[in-house]
Amino acid sequence: MQIEEAKSIKIADYLSSIGHSPVRCTDNRELFYLSPLRNEKNPSFNVNNRKNLWYDHGLGIGGSILELVMHLHHTDWRGALEILEGNTCQPLITNNLAMKNDPRLSADDTGNEGNLKIISNKIIEDTRLKEYLFKRQIPYRIAVFFLSEVRYRIISTDKTYYALAFRNDKGGYELRSRYFKGSTSPKYLSTVRGPDPEQINIFEGVFDFLTAACYFNSFPNNTSIILNSVSFAKKAADIIAGYSRVNLYLDNDTAGKETVRFFQSHHPNAVDHSSHIYPDHKDFNEFWEQTSKKTYHSYFFRRGEICPVKAFYPDLPHHGLQLSGSNWDRHH
């Protein structure tokens, strides 16, 4: 989807598709909502239907539908375009932070957001989720070791949806589908442990970690931390102190570069691999999506060797795949 195409989507229609209705409207087609970006009792979120622009009077910010989606999903314009491209008028969860702070939507005993309840968790079977993996150029037989398929219910609408789920170290989940990018609480980093005690890898998101497994054609021997948000870099800094080498596979945006500098300031041997593996791409997965079809993709998807991956990851369910970690070691 192009930017101009995205901006042609009516903000009012998008808000309706994610469960927000106007509280009142004026004769000149101005719509007023309770802000989807924060908690409030009096509607101060304004949509000008004629100009297709929004403004939150409480926050003093506004713009087009792109800026709205960026604020709602805490993403950049590329992520906003992807979300809008996949939007099919399903009501989505729009602001985890707002729900966390809303006393009417307290978290339940299972650790899920109060307005989101996971009702099933199983091996990936849904065809649409498999198609989403294919779009991201991640083979099913790699993803199935680390991701599961969840069905979740939005309590406020009693609607049920599906997503890929990646568990973090505190029991929360990162949720991904073509239509949704979000998480349940508690949000935290994830650790995939390997037997090598000398090195540790750090990724920003799970699809970057899965991309690395594809790129190196192997699972790593060493432990990997998936931050799930760069805000957990300080938590990870406490962990990396015990390792002799830190391999960084972070994003090439401003936040990613700042996080690289942060880790390099906390460890004398923190190596930035993003600058030479995918220097012209936003992240590892974007690079993989654009290059794997030409270089690695056909080989990896056809490869059929079956060996004991349990030897490297004894706690993972076994689905008939073994990939050694030696390729990572040679690269590092």
C-alpha atoms as a PDB file:
ATOM      1  CA  MET A   1       0.000   0.000   0.000  1.00  0.00           C
ATOM      2  CA  GLN A   2       1.278   3.465  -0.938  1.00  0.00           C
ATOM      3  CA  ILE A   3       1.137   6.451   1.426  1.00  0.00           C
ATOM      4  CA  GLU A   4      -1.436   8.370  -0.604  1.00  0.00           C
ATOM      5  CA  GLU A   5      -3.618   5.271  -0.841  1.00  0.00           C
ATOM      6  CA  ALA A   6      -3.461   4.855   2.925  1.00  0.00           C
ATOM      7  CA  LYS A   7      -4.364   8.494   3.506  1.00  0.00           C
ATOM      8  CA  SER A   8      -7.499   8.036   1.415  1.00  0.00           C
ATOM      9  CA  ILE A   9      -8.914   5.632   4.026  1.00  0.00           C
ATOM     10  CA  LYS A  10     -11.543   7.427   6.070  1.00  0.00           C
ATOM     11  CA  ILE A  11     -10.420   7.881   9.673  1.00  0.00           C
ATOM     12  CA  ALA A  12     -14.009   7.478  10.865  1.00  0.00           C
ATOM     13  CA  ASP A  13     -14.251   4.125   9.055  1.00  0.00           C
ATOM     14  CA  TYR A  14     -10.977   2.955  10.545  1.00  0.00           C
ATOM     15  CA  LEU A  15     -12.004   3.976  14.057  1.00  0.00           C
ATOM     16  CA  SER A  16     -15.283   2.136  13.597  1.00  0.00           C
ATOM     17  CA  SER A  17     -13.404  -0.984  12.469  1.00  0.00           C
ATOM     18  CA  ILE A  18     -11.404  -1.028  15.694  1.00  0.00           C
ATOM     19  CA  GLY A  19     -14.406  -0.494  17.950  1.00  0.00           C
ATOM     20  CA  HIS A  20     -14.629   3.300  18.393  1.00  0.00           C
ATOM     21  CA  SER A  21     -17.846   5.212  17.679  1.00  0.00           C
ATOM     22  CA  PRO A  22     -18.359   8.988  17.751  1.00  0.00           C
ATOM     23  CA  VAL A  23     -20.034  10.396  20.853  1.00  0.00           C
ATOM     24  CA  ARG A  24     -21.389  13.410  19.007  1.00  0.00           C
ATOM     25  CA  CYS A  25     -21.120  15.178  15.652  1.00  0.00           C
ATOM     26  CA  THR A  26     -21.639  18.733  14.394  1.00  0.00           C
ATOM     27  CA  ASP A  27     -23.355  20.119  11.336  1.00  0.00           C
ATOM     28  CA  ASN A  28     -20.039  20.678   9.529  1.00  0.00           C
ATOM     29  CA  ARG A  29     -19.165  16.954   9.740  1.00  0.00           C
ATOM     30  CA  GLU A  30     -16.926  17.195  12.788  1.00  0.00           C
ATOM     31  CA  LEU A  31     -16.973  13.980  14.834  1.00  0.00           C
ATOM     32  CA  PHE A  32     -16.008  13.788  18.500  1.00  0.00           C
ATOM     33  CA  TYR A  33     -14.788  10.595  20.199  1.00  0.00           C
ATOM     34  CA  LEU A  34     -13.489   9.510  23.545  1.00  0.00           C
ATOM     35  CA  SER A  35      -9.799   9.446  22.750  1.00  0.00           C
ATOM     36  CA  PRO A  36      -8.483   6.041  21.624  1.00  0.00           C
ATOM     37  CA  LEU A  37      -4.999   7.193  22.749  1.00  0.00           C
ATOM     38  CA  ARG A  38      -5.793   7.750  26.432  1.00  0.00           C
ATOM     39  CA  ASN A  39      -8.528   7.519  29.065  1.00  0.00           C
ATOM     40  CA  GLU A  40     -11.022  10.359  29.340  1.00  0.00           C
ATOM     41  CA  LYS A  41     -14.644  10.989  30.315  1.00  0.00           C
ATOM     42  CA  ASN A  42     -15.390  13.898  27.981  1.00  0.00           C
ATOM     43  CA  PRO A  43     -14.854  13.467  24.222  1.00  0.00           C
ATOM     44  CA  SER A  44     -11.960  15.611  23.027  1.00  0.00           C
ATOM     45  CA  PHE A  45     -10.731  13.553  20.094  1.00  0.00           C
ATOM     46  CA  ASN A  46     -11.898  15.316  16.944  1.00  0.00           C
ATOM     47  CA  VAL A  47     -12.157  13.966  13.389  1.00  0.00           C
ATOM     48  CA  ASN A  48     -12.756  16.351  10.510  1.00  0.00           C
ATOM     49  CA  ASN A  49     -14.571  14.093   8.075  1.00  0.00           C
ATOM     50  CA  ARG A  50     -14.245  16.496   5.158  1.00  0.00           C
ATOM     51  CA  LYS A  51     -10.467  16.916   5.468  1.00  0.00           C
ATOM     52  CA  ASN A  52      -9.969  13.394   6.839  1.00  0.00           C
ATOM     53  CA  LEU A  53      -7.773  14.641   9.672  1.00  0.00           C
ATOM     54  CA  TRP A  54      -7.830  14.044  13.430  1.00  0.00           C
ATOM     55  CA  TYR A  55      -6.793  16.045  16.465  1.00  0.00           C
ATOM     56  CA  ASP A  56      -6.552  15.025  20.119  1.00  0.00           C
ATOM     57  CA  HIS A  57      -7.162  18.228  22.100  1.00  0.00           C
ATOM     58  CA  GLY A  58      -5.967  16.627  25.338  1.00  0.00           C
ATOM     59  CA  LEU A  59      -2.586  15.615  23.925  1.00  0.00           C
ATOM     60  CA  GLY A  60      -2.215  18.458  21.451  1.00  0.00           C
ATOM     61  CA  ILE A  61      -1.367  16.141  18.558  1.00  0.00           C
ATOM     62  CA  GLY A  62      -3.068  15.198  15.310  1.00  0.00           C
ATOM     63  CA  GLY A  63      -2.603  14.423  11.647  1.00  0.00           C
ATOM     64  CA  SER A  64      -3.607  11.931   9.008  1.00  0.00           C
ATOM     65  CA  ILE A  65      -4.637   8.309   9.454  1.00  0.00           C
ATOM     66  CA  LEU A  66      -0.966   7.304   9.237  1.00  0.00           C
ATOM     67  CA  GLU A  67      -0.016   9.323  12.311  1.00  0.00           C
ATOM     68  CA  LEU A  68      -3.046   7.924  14.135  1.00  0.00           C
ATOM     69  CA  VAL A  69      -2.075   4.304  13.432  1.00  0.00           C
ATOM     70  CA  MET A  70       1.541   5.051  14.371  1.00  0.00           C
ATOM     71  CA  HIS A  71       0.409   6.369  17.775  1.00  0.00           C
ATOM     72  CA  LEU A  72      -2.106   3.565  18.339  1.00  0.00           C
ATOM     73  CA  HIS A  73       0.324   0.757  17.551  1.00  0.00           C
ATOM     74  CA  HIS A  74       3.592   2.409  18.618  1.00  0.00           C
ATOM     75  CA  THR A  75       5.111   1.818  15.192  1.00  0.00           C
ATOM     76  CA  ASP A  76       6.668   3.788  12.345  1.00  0.00           C
ATOM     77  CA  TRP A  77       5.065   4.720   9.021  1.00  0.00           C
ATOM     78  CA  ARG A  78       6.097   1.429   7.433  1.00  0.00           C
ATOM     79  CA  GLY A  79       4.383  -0.507  10.198  1.00  0.00           C
ATOM     80  CA  ALA A  80       1.329   1.728   9.870  1.00  0.00           C
ATOM     81  CA  LEU A  81       1.103   0.985   6.148  1.00  0.00           C
ATOM     82  CA  GLU A  82       1.289  -2.743   6.827  1.00  0.00           C
ATOM     83  CA  ILE A  83      -1.453  -2.512   9.448  1.00  0.00           C
ATOM     84  CA  LEU A  84      -3.706  -0.469   7.169  1.00  0.00           C
ATOM     85  CA  GLU A  85      -3.090  -2.806   4.248  1.00  0.00           C
ATOM     86  CA  GLY A  86      -4.293  -5.729   6.324  1.00  0.00           C
ATOM     87  CA  ASN A  87      -7.207  -3.989   8.018  1.00  0.00           C
ATOM     88  CA  THR A  88     -10.487  -5.666   7.083  1.00  0.00           C
ATOM     89  CA  CYS A  89     -12.792  -3.810   9.478  1.00  0.00           C
ATOM     90  CA  GLN A  90     -12.068  -6.177  12.354  1.00  0.00           C
ATOM     91  CA  PRO A  91     -12.143  -4.486  15.767  1.00  0.00           C
ATOM     92  CA  LEU A  92      -8.563  -4.574  17.016  1.00  0.00           C
ATOM     93  CA  ILE A  93      -6.959  -3.738  20.335  1.00  0.00           C
ATOM     94  CA  THR A  94      -5.819  -0.194  19.856  1.00  0.00           C
ATOM     95  CA  ASN A  95      -3.801   0.856  22.853  1.00  0.00           C
ATOM     96  CA  ASN A  96      -2.372  -1.591  25.357  1.00  0.00           C
ATOM     97  CA  LEU A  97      -0.985   1.236  27.493  1.00  0.00           C
ATOM     98  CA  ALA A  98      -4.370   2.879  27.824  1.00  0.00           C
ATOM     99  CA  MET A  99      -5.961  -0.425  28.816  1.00  0.00           C
ATOM    100  CA  LYS A 100      -3.270  -1.073  31.434  1.00  0.00           C
ATOM    101  CA  ASN A 101      -4.002   2.282  33.069  1.00  0.00           C
ATOM    102  CA  ASP A 102      -7.768   1.987  32.864  1.00  0.00           C
ATOM    103  CA  PRO A 103      -9.111   0.770  36.251  1.00  0.00           C
ATOM    104  CA  ARG A 104     -12.188  -0.613  34.490  1.00  0.00           C
ATOM    105  CA  LEU A 105      -9.959  -3.003  32.510  1.00  0.00           C
ATOM    106  CA  SER A 106      -7.693  -4.600  35.106  1.00  0.00           C
ATOM    107  CA  ALA A 107      -5.558  -7.594  34.130  1.00  0.00           C
ATOM    108  CA  ASP A 108      -6.999 -10.996  34.988  1.00  0.00           C
ATOM    109  CA  ASP A 109      -5.217 -13.720  36.938  1.00  0.00           C
ATOM    110  CA  THR A 110      -3.713 -15.268  33.815  1.00  0.00           C
ATOM    111  CA  GLY A 111      -1.721 -12.126  33.027  1.00  0.00           C
ATOM    112  CA  ASN A 112      -3.667 -11.117  29.908  1.00  0.00           C
ATOM    113  CA  GLU A 113      -4.890  -7.597  29.233  1.00  0.00           C
ATOM    114  CA  GLY A 114      -8.277  -7.027  30.794  1.00  0.00           C
ATOM    115  CA  ASN A 115      -9.916  -6.443  27.405  1.00  0.00           C
ATOM    116  CA  LEU A 116      -8.127  -9.377  25.764  1.00  0.00           C
ATOM    117  CA  LYS A 117      -8.420 -12.963  26.875  1.00  0.00           C
ATOM    118  CA  ILE A 118      -6.514 -15.830  25.278  1.00  0.00           C
ATOM    119  CA  ILE A 119      -8.946 -18.722  25.007  1.00  0.00           C
ATOM    120  CA  SER A 120      -6.769 -21.337  23.264  1.00  0.00           C
ATOM    121  CA  ASN A 121      -3.109 -21.930  22.520  1.00  0.00           C
ATOM    122  CA  LYS A 122      -1.950 -24.698  20.186  1.00  0.00           C
ATOM    123  CA  ILE A 123       0.405 -25.625  17.370  1.00  0.00           C
ATOM    124  CA  ILE A 124       0.036 -23.451  14.254  1.00  0.00           C
ATOM    125  CA  GLU A 125      -2.681 -24.854  12.001  1.00  0.00           C
ATOM    126  CA  ASP A 126      -4.628 -21.899  10.607  1.00  0.00           C
ATOM    127  CA  THR A 127      -4.005 -21.445   6.880  1.00  0.00           C
ATOM    128  CA  ARG A 128      -4.075 -17.652   7.127  1.00  0.00           C
ATOM    129  CA  LEU A 129      -1.347 -17.653   9.766  1.00  0.00           C
ATOM    130  CA  LYS A 130       0.758 -19.949   7.600  1.00  0.00           C
ATOM    131  CA  GLU A 131       0.253 -17.528   4.708  1.00  0.00           C
ATOM    132  CA  TYR A 132       1.415 -14.689   6.951  1.00  0.00           C
ATOM    133  CA  LEU A 133       4.567 -16.662   7.775  1.00  0.00           C
ATOM    134  CA  PHE A 134       5.126 -17.181   4.054  1.00  0.00           C
ATOM    135  CA  LYS A 135       4.721 -13.437   3.465  1.00  0.00           C
ATOM    136  CA  ARG A 136       7.461 -12.845   6.046  1.00  0.00           C
ATOM    137  CA  GLN A 137       9.545 -15.585   4.353  1.00  0.00           C
ATOM    138  CA  ILE A 138       9.683 -17.735   7.493  1.00  0.00           C
ATOM    139  CA  PRO A 139       9.254 -21.483   6.850  1.00  0.00           C
ATOM    140  CA  TYR A 140       6.564 -23.139   8.912  1.00  0.00           C
ATOM    141  CA  ARG A 141       8.956 -25.782  10.175  1.00  0.00           C
ATOM    142  CA  ILE A 142      11.168 -23.072  11.700  1.00  0.00           C
ATOM    143  CA  ALA A 143       8.320 -20.991  13.154  1.00  0.00           C
ATOM    144  CA  VAL A 144       6.604 -23.938  14.799  1.00  0.00           C
ATOM    145  CA  PHE A 145       9.466 -24.333  17.281  1.00  0.00           C
ATOM    146  CA  PHE A 146       8.975 -20.855  18.720  1.00  0.00           C
ATOM    147  CA  LEU A 147       5.487 -19.630  17.822  1.00  0.00           C
ATOM    148  CA  SER A 148       2.049 -20.987  18.585  1.00  0.00           C
ATOM    149  CA  GLU A 149      -1.459 -20.244  17.357  1.00  0.00           C
ATOM    150  CA  VAL A 150      -3.737 -18.488  19.819  1.00  0.00           C
ATOM    151  CA  ARG A 151      -7.377 -17.566  19.661  1.00  0.00           C
ATOM    152  CA  TYR A 152      -8.181 -14.478  21.678  1.00  0.00           C
ATOM    153  CA  ARG A 153     -11.410 -12.737  22.574  1.00  0.00           C
ATOM    154  CA  ILE A 154     -11.928  -8.993  22.840  1.00  0.00           C
ATOM    155  CA  ILE A 155     -14.173  -8.836  25.870  1.00  0.00           C
ATOM    156  CA  SER A 156     -15.737  -5.466  25.069  1.00  0.00           C
ATOM    157  CA  THR A 157     -17.054  -6.743  21.727  1.00  0.00           C
ATOM    158  CA  ASP A 158     -17.154 -10.516  22.441  1.00  0.00           C
ATOM    159  CA  LYS A 159     -15.405 -11.090  19.120  1.00  0.00           C
ATOM    160  CA  THR A 160     -12.798 -13.835  18.675  1.00  0.00           C
ATOM    161  CA  TYR A 161      -9.679 -13.611  16.489  1.00  0.00           C
ATOM    162  CA  TYR A 162      -6.468 -15.535  15.857  1.00  0.00           C
ATOM    163  CA  ALA A 163      -2.774 -14.632  15.915  1.00  0.00           C
ATOM    164  CA  LEU A 164       0.708 -16.050  16.108  1.00  0.00           C
ATOM    165  CA  ALA A 165       1.975 -15.914  19.689  1.00  0.00           C
ATOM    166  CA  PHE A 166       5.516 -15.673  21.061  1.00  0.00           C
ATOM    167  CA  ARG A 167       5.819 -16.138  24.817  1.00  0.00           C
ATOM    168  CA  ASN A 168       8.030 -13.878  26.911  1.00  0.00           C
ATOM    169  CA  ASP A 169       9.886 -14.733  30.106  1.00  0.00           C
ATOM    170  CA  LYS A 170       7.073 -13.482  32.345  1.00  0.00           C
ATOM    171  CA  GLY A 171       4.248 -15.361  30.630  1.00  0.00           C
ATOM    172  CA  GLY A 172       2.911 -12.614  28.379  1.00  0.00           C
ATOM    173  CA  TYR A 173       2.681 -12.969  24.623  1.00  0.00           C
ATOM    174  CA  GLU A 174       3.652 -10.971  21.556  1.00  0.00           C
ATOM    175  CA  LEU A 175       0.783 -11.354  19.072  1.00  0.00           C
ATOM    176  CA  ARG A 176       1.205 -11.054  15.329  1.00  0.00           C
ATOM    177  CA  SER A 177      -1.013 -11.550  12.298  1.00  0.00           C
ATOM    178  CA  ARG A 178      -1.537  -9.807   9.004  1.00  0.00           C
ATOM    179  CA  TYR A 179      -4.148  -7.657  10.750  1.00  0.00           C
ATOM    180  CA  PHE A 180      -2.665  -7.057  14.168  1.00  0.00           C
ATOM    181  CA  LYS A 181       0.553  -6.309  16.032  1.00  0.00           C
ATOM    182  CA  GLY A 182       0.235  -6.191  19.804  1.00  0.00           C
ATOM    183  CA  SER A 183       0.875  -7.969  23.069  1.00  0.00           C
ATOM    184  CA  THR A 184      -0.678  -9.209  26.274  1.00  0.00           C
ATOM    185  CA  SER A 185       0.598  -8.198  29.678  1.00  0.00           C
ATOM    186  CA  PRO A 186       3.006  -8.541  31.250  1.00  0.00           C
ATOM    187  CA  LYS A 187       5.162  -7.356  28.368  1.00  0.00           C
ATOM    188  CA  TYR A 188       8.787  -8.430  28.743  1.00  0.00           C
ATOM    189  CA  LEU A 189      11.777  -9.800  26.868  1.00  0.00           C
ATOM    190  CA  SER A 190      12.078 -13.443  25.755  1.00  0.00           C
ATOM    191  CA  THR A 191      15.048 -15.772  26.159  1.00  0.00           C
ATOM    192  CA  VAL A 192      15.873 -18.756  23.941  1.00  0.00           C
ATOM    193  CA  ARG A 193      18.655 -20.627  25.698  1.00  0.00           C
ATOM    194  CA  GLY A 194      21.475 -22.468  23.955  1.00  0.00           C
ATOM    195  CA  PRO A 195      24.334 -24.584  25.295  1.00  0.00           C
ATOM    196  CA  ASP A 196      27.225 -22.235  24.397  1.00  0.00           C
ATOM    197  CA  PRO A 197      28.060 -20.161  27.514  1.00  0.00           C
ATOM    198  CA  GLU A 198      30.433 -17.769  25.740  1.00  0.00           C
ATOM    199  CA  GLN A 199      28.251 -15.751  23.323  1.00  0.00           C
ATOM    200  CA  ILE A 200      24.789 -14.242  23.377  1.00  0.00           C
ATOM    201  CA  ASN A 201      22.635 -12.813  20.554  1.00  0.00           C
ATOM    202  CA  ILE A 202      20.237  -9.892  20.887  1.00  0.00           C
ATOM    203  CA  PHE A 203      17.296  -9.216  18.562  1.00  0.00           C
ATOM    204  CA  GLU A 204      14.580  -6.587  18.695  1.00  0.00           C
ATOM    205  CA  GLY A 205      11.686  -8.805  17.561  1.00  0.00           C
ATOM    206  CA  VAL A 206      10.873 -12.463  17.104  1.00  0.00           C
ATOM    207  CA  PHE A 207      10.739 -12.251  13.308  1.00  0.00           C
ATOM    208  CA  ASP A 208      14.331 -11.004  13.300  1.00  0.00           C
ATOM    209  CA  PHE A 209      15.323 -14.015  15.394  1.00  0.00           C
ATOM    210  CA  LEU A 210      13.480 -16.382  13.051  1.00  0.00           C
ATOM    211  CA  THR A 211      15.074 -14.619  10.090  1.00  0.00           C
ATOM    212  CA  ALA A 212      18.521 -15.293  11.534  1.00  0.00           C
ATOM    213  CA  ALA A 213      17.709 -19.001  11.760  1.00  0.00           C
ATOM    214  CA  CYS A 214      16.819 -18.883   8.057  1.00  0.00           C
ATOM    215  CA  TYR A 215      19.778 -16.749   7.024  1.00  0.00           C
ATOM    216  CA  PHE A 216      22.325 -18.942   8.820  1.00  0.00           C
ATOM    217  CA  ASN A 217      20.358 -22.098   7.961  1.00  0.00           C
ATOM    218  CA  SER A 218      20.663 -23.160  11.595  1.00  0.00           C
ATOM    219  CA  PHE A 219      19.507 -22.545  15.125  1.00  0.00           C
ATOM    220  CA  PRO A 220      22.177 -20.858  17.273  1.00  0.00           C
ATOM    221  CA  ASN A 221      24.237 -22.813  19.787  1.00  0.00           C
ATOM    222  CA  ASN A 222      24.310 -19.757  22.018  1.00  0.00           C
ATOM    223  CA  THR A 223      21.539 -18.058  23.964  1.00  0.00           C
ATOM    224  CA  SER A 224      19.400 -15.402  22.255  1.00  0.00           C
ATOM    225  CA  ILE A 225      17.476 -12.545  23.829  1.00  0.00           C
ATOM    226  CA  ILE A 226      14.506 -11.124  21.931  1.00  0.00           C
ATOM    227  CA  LEU A 227      13.815  -7.709  23.439  1.00  0.00           C
ATOM    228  CA  ASN A 228      10.208  -7.412  22.129  1.00  0.00           C
ATOM    229  CA  SER A 229      10.770  -3.690  22.715  1.00  0.00           C
ATOM    230  CA  VAL A 230      13.979  -1.658  22.916  1.00  0.00           C
ATOM    231  CA  SER A 231      12.688  -0.391  26.259  1.00  0.00           C
ATOM    232  CA  PHE A 232      13.956  -3.690  27.738  1.00  0.00           C
ATOM    233  CA  ALA A 233      17.562  -3.025  26.718  1.00  0.00           C
ATOM    234  CA  LYS A 234      18.454  -2.118  30.305  1.00  0.00           C
ATOM    235  CA  LYS A 235      17.075  -5.443  31.519  1.00  0.00           C
ATOM    236  CA  ALA A 236      19.160  -7.250  28.903  1.00  0.00           C
ATOM    237  CA  ALA A 237      22.282  -5.285  29.905  1.00  0.00           C
ATOM    238  CA  ASP A 238      22.216  -7.035  33.273  1.00  0.00           C
ATOM    239  CA  ILE A 239      22.246 -10.424  31.509  1.00  0.00           C
ATOM    240  CA  ILE A 240      25.007  -9.881  28.942  1.00  0.00           C
ATOM    241  CA  ALA A 241      27.682  -9.131  31.542  1.00  0.00           C
ATOM    242  CA  GLY A 242      28.386 -12.837  31.970  1.00  0.00           C
ATOM    243  CA  TYR A 243      29.170 -13.439  28.275  1.00  0.00           C
ATOM    244  CA  SER A 244      32.431 -12.852  26.414  1.00  0.00           C
ATOM    245  CA  ARG A 245      30.738 -11.664  23.196  1.00  0.00           C
ATOM    246  CA  VAL A 246      27.412 -10.012  22.365  1.00  0.00           C
ATOM    247  CA  ASN A 247      26.043 -10.287  18.813  1.00  0.00           C
ATOM    248  CA  LEU A 248      23.596  -7.486  17.984  1.00  0.00           C
ATOM    249  CA  TYR A 249      20.950  -7.867  15.260  1.00  0.00           C
ATOM    250  CA  LEU A 250      18.940  -4.702  15.840  1.00  0.00           C
ATOM    251  CA  ASP A 251      17.022  -2.349  13.576  1.00  0.00           C
ATOM    252  CA  ASN A 252      18.718   0.256  11.412  1.00  0.00           C
ATOM    253  CA  ASP A 253      16.422   3.061  12.564  1.00  0.00           C
ATOM    254  CA  THR A 254      17.206   5.717  15.143  1.00  0.00           C
ATOM    255  CA  ALA A 255      15.988   3.650  18.092  1.00  0.00           C
ATOM    256  CA  GLY A 256      17.938   0.613  16.894  1.00  0.00           C
ATOM    257  CA  LYS A 257      21.163   2.566  16.482  1.00  0.00           C
ATOM    258  CA  GLU A 258      20.758   4.110  19.917  1.00  0.00           C
ATOM    259  CA  THR A 259      20.250   0.639  21.372  1.00  0.00           C
ATOM    260  CA  VAL A 260      23.414  -0.605  19.624  1.00  0.00           C
ATOM    261  CA  ARG A 261      25.368   2.235  21.207  1.00  0.00           C
ATOM    262  CA  PHE A 262      23.794   1.434  24.562  1.00  0.00           C
ATOM    263  CA  PHE A 263      24.931  -2.196  24.481  1.00  0.00           C
ATOM    264  CA  GLN A 264      28.381  -1.263  23.197  1.00  0.00           C
ATOM    265  CA  SER A 265      28.747   1.117  26.124  1.00  0.00           C
ATOM    266  CA  HIS A 266      27.862  -1.720  28.524  1.00  0.00           C
ATOM    267  CA  HIS A 267      29.968  -4.491  27.011  1.00  0.00           C
ATOM    268  CA  PRO A 268      33.505  -4.319  25.561  1.00  0.00           C
ATOM    269  CA  ASN A 269      32.778  -6.916  22.863  1.00  0.00           C
ATOM    270  CA  ALA A 270      29.294  -6.048  21.568  1.00  0.00           C
ATOM    271  CA  VAL A 271      29.308  -6.468  17.770  1.00  0.00           C
ATOM    272  CA  ASP A 272      26.781  -4.740  15.499  1.00  0.00           C
ATOM    273  CA  HIS A 273      25.897  -7.177  12.690  1.00  0.00           C
ATOM    274  CA  SER A 274      23.129  -5.000  11.238  1.00  0.00           C
ATOM    275  CA  SER A 275      25.662  -2.620   9.715  1.00  0.00           C
ATOM    276  CA  HIS A 276      27.158  -5.245   7.413  1.00  0.00           C
ATOM    277  CA  ILE A 277      24.467  -7.938   6.923  1.00  0.00           C
ATOM    278  CA  TYR A 278      21.535  -5.620   6.161  1.00  0.00           C
ATOM    279  CA  PRO A 279      22.853  -2.025   6.130  1.00  0.00           C
ATOM    280  CA  ASP A 280      20.326  -0.841   3.520  1.00  0.00           C
ATOM    281  CA  HIS A 281      17.234  -2.308   5.201  1.00  0.00           C
ATOM    282  CA  LYS A 282      15.241  -1.326   8.257  1.00  0.00           C
ATOM    283  CA  ASP A 283      15.645  -4.698   9.949  1.00  0.00           C
ATOM    284  CA  PHE A 284      16.809  -8.275   9.423  1.00  0.00           C
ATOM    285  CA  ASN A 285      13.389  -9.541   8.343  1.00  0.00           C
ATOM    286  CA  GLU A 286      12.848  -6.784   5.778  1.00  0.00           C
ATOM    287  CA  PHE A 287      16.215  -7.682   4.266  1.00  0.00           C
ATOM    288  CA  TRP A 288      15.278 -11.374   4.268  1.00  0.00           C
ATOM    289  CA  GLU A 289      11.881 -10.771   2.660  1.00  0.00           C
ATOM    290  CA  GLN A 290      13.482  -8.893  -0.225  1.00  0.00           C
ATOM    291  CA  THR A 291      16.521 -11.113  -0.791  1.00  0.00           C
ATOM    292  CA  SER A 292      15.565 -14.674   0.162  1.00  0.00           C
ATOM    293  CA  LYS A 293      13.525 -15.304  -2.982  1.00  0.00           C
ATOM    294  CA  LYS A 294      16.619 -14.608  -5.075  1.00  0.00           C
ATOM    295  CA  THR A 295      19.279 -16.278  -2.956  1.00  0.00           C
ATOM    296  CA  TYR A 296      18.344 -18.588  -0.099  1.00  0.00           C
ATOM    297  CA  HIS A 297      14.610 -19.100  -0.332  1.00  0.00           C
ATOM    298  CA  SER A 298      14.234 -22.032  -2.746  1.00  0.00           C
ATOM    299  CA  TYR A 299      17.012 -24.048  -1.140  1.00  0.00           C
ATOM    300  CA  PHE A 300      15.762 -23.565   2.380  1.00  0.00           C
ATOM    301  CA  PHE A 301      12.140 -24.356   1.648  1.00  0.00           C
ATOM    302  CA  ARG A 302      13.074 -27.582  -0.155  1.00  0.00           C
ATOM    303  CA  ARG A 303      15.599 -28.782   2.394  1.00  0.00           C
ATOM    304  CA  GLY A 304      14.341 -31.947   4.071  1.00  0.00           C
ATOM    305  CA  GLU A 305      16.991 -33.343   6.414  1.00  0.00           C
ATOM    306  CA  ILE A 306      15.648 -34.651   9.724  1.00  0.00           C
ATOM    307  CA  CYS A 307      18.029 -34.675  12.705  1.00  0.00           C
ATOM    308  CA  PRO A 308      17.740 -34.328  16.515  1.00  0.00           C
ATOM    309  CA  VAL A 309      17.146 -30.652  17.274  1.00  0.00           C
ATOM    310  CA  LYS A 310      16.419 -31.791  20.858  1.00  0.00           C
ATOM    311  CA  ALA A 311      20.171 -32.100  21.346  1.00  0.00           C
ATOM    312  CA  PHE A 312      20.407 -28.307  21.117  1.00  0.00           C
ATOM    313  CA  TYR A 313      17.020 -27.321  22.575  1.00  0.00           C
ATOM    314  CA  PRO A 314      15.778 -30.050  24.954  1.00  0.00           C
ATOM    315  CA  ASP A 315      12.854 -27.941  26.168  1.00  0.00           C
ATOM    316  CA  LEU A 316      11.390 -27.325  22.692  1.00  0.00           C
ATOM    317  CA  PRO A 317       8.675 -29.500  21.153  1.00  0.00           C
ATOM    318  CA  HIS A 318      10.143 -31.621  18.373  1.00  0.00           C
ATOM    319  CA  HIS A 319       8.540 -31.390  14.945  1.00  0.00           C
ATOM    320  CA  GLY A 320      11.015 -33.345  12.842  1.00  0.00           C
ATOM    321  CA  LEU A 321      13.694 -30.717  12.144  1.00  0.00           C
ATOM    322  CA  GLN A 322      17.298 -30.372  13.137  1.00  0.00           C
ATOM    323  CA  LEU A 323      19.458 -27.420  12.270  1.00  0.00           C
ATOM    324  CA  SER A 324      22.944 -27.180  13.743  1.00  0.00           C
ATOM    325  CA  GLY A 325      24.309 -23.925  15.115  1.00  0.00           C
ATOM    326  CA  SER A 326      27.710 -24.171  13.422  1.00  0.00           C
ATOM    327  CA  ASN A 327      26.808 -21.661  10.680  1.00  0.00           C
ATOM    328  CA  TRP A 328      26.313 -18.918  13.272  1.00  0.00           C
ATOM    329  CA  ASP A 329      29.654 -19.738  14.837  1.00  0.00           C
ATOM    330  CA  ARG A 330      31.509 -19.498  11.525  1.00  0.00           C
ATOM    331  CA  HIS A 331      29.890 -16.143  10.787  1.00  0.00           C
ATOM    332  CA  HIS A 332      30.699 -14.727  14.196  1.00  0.00           C
END
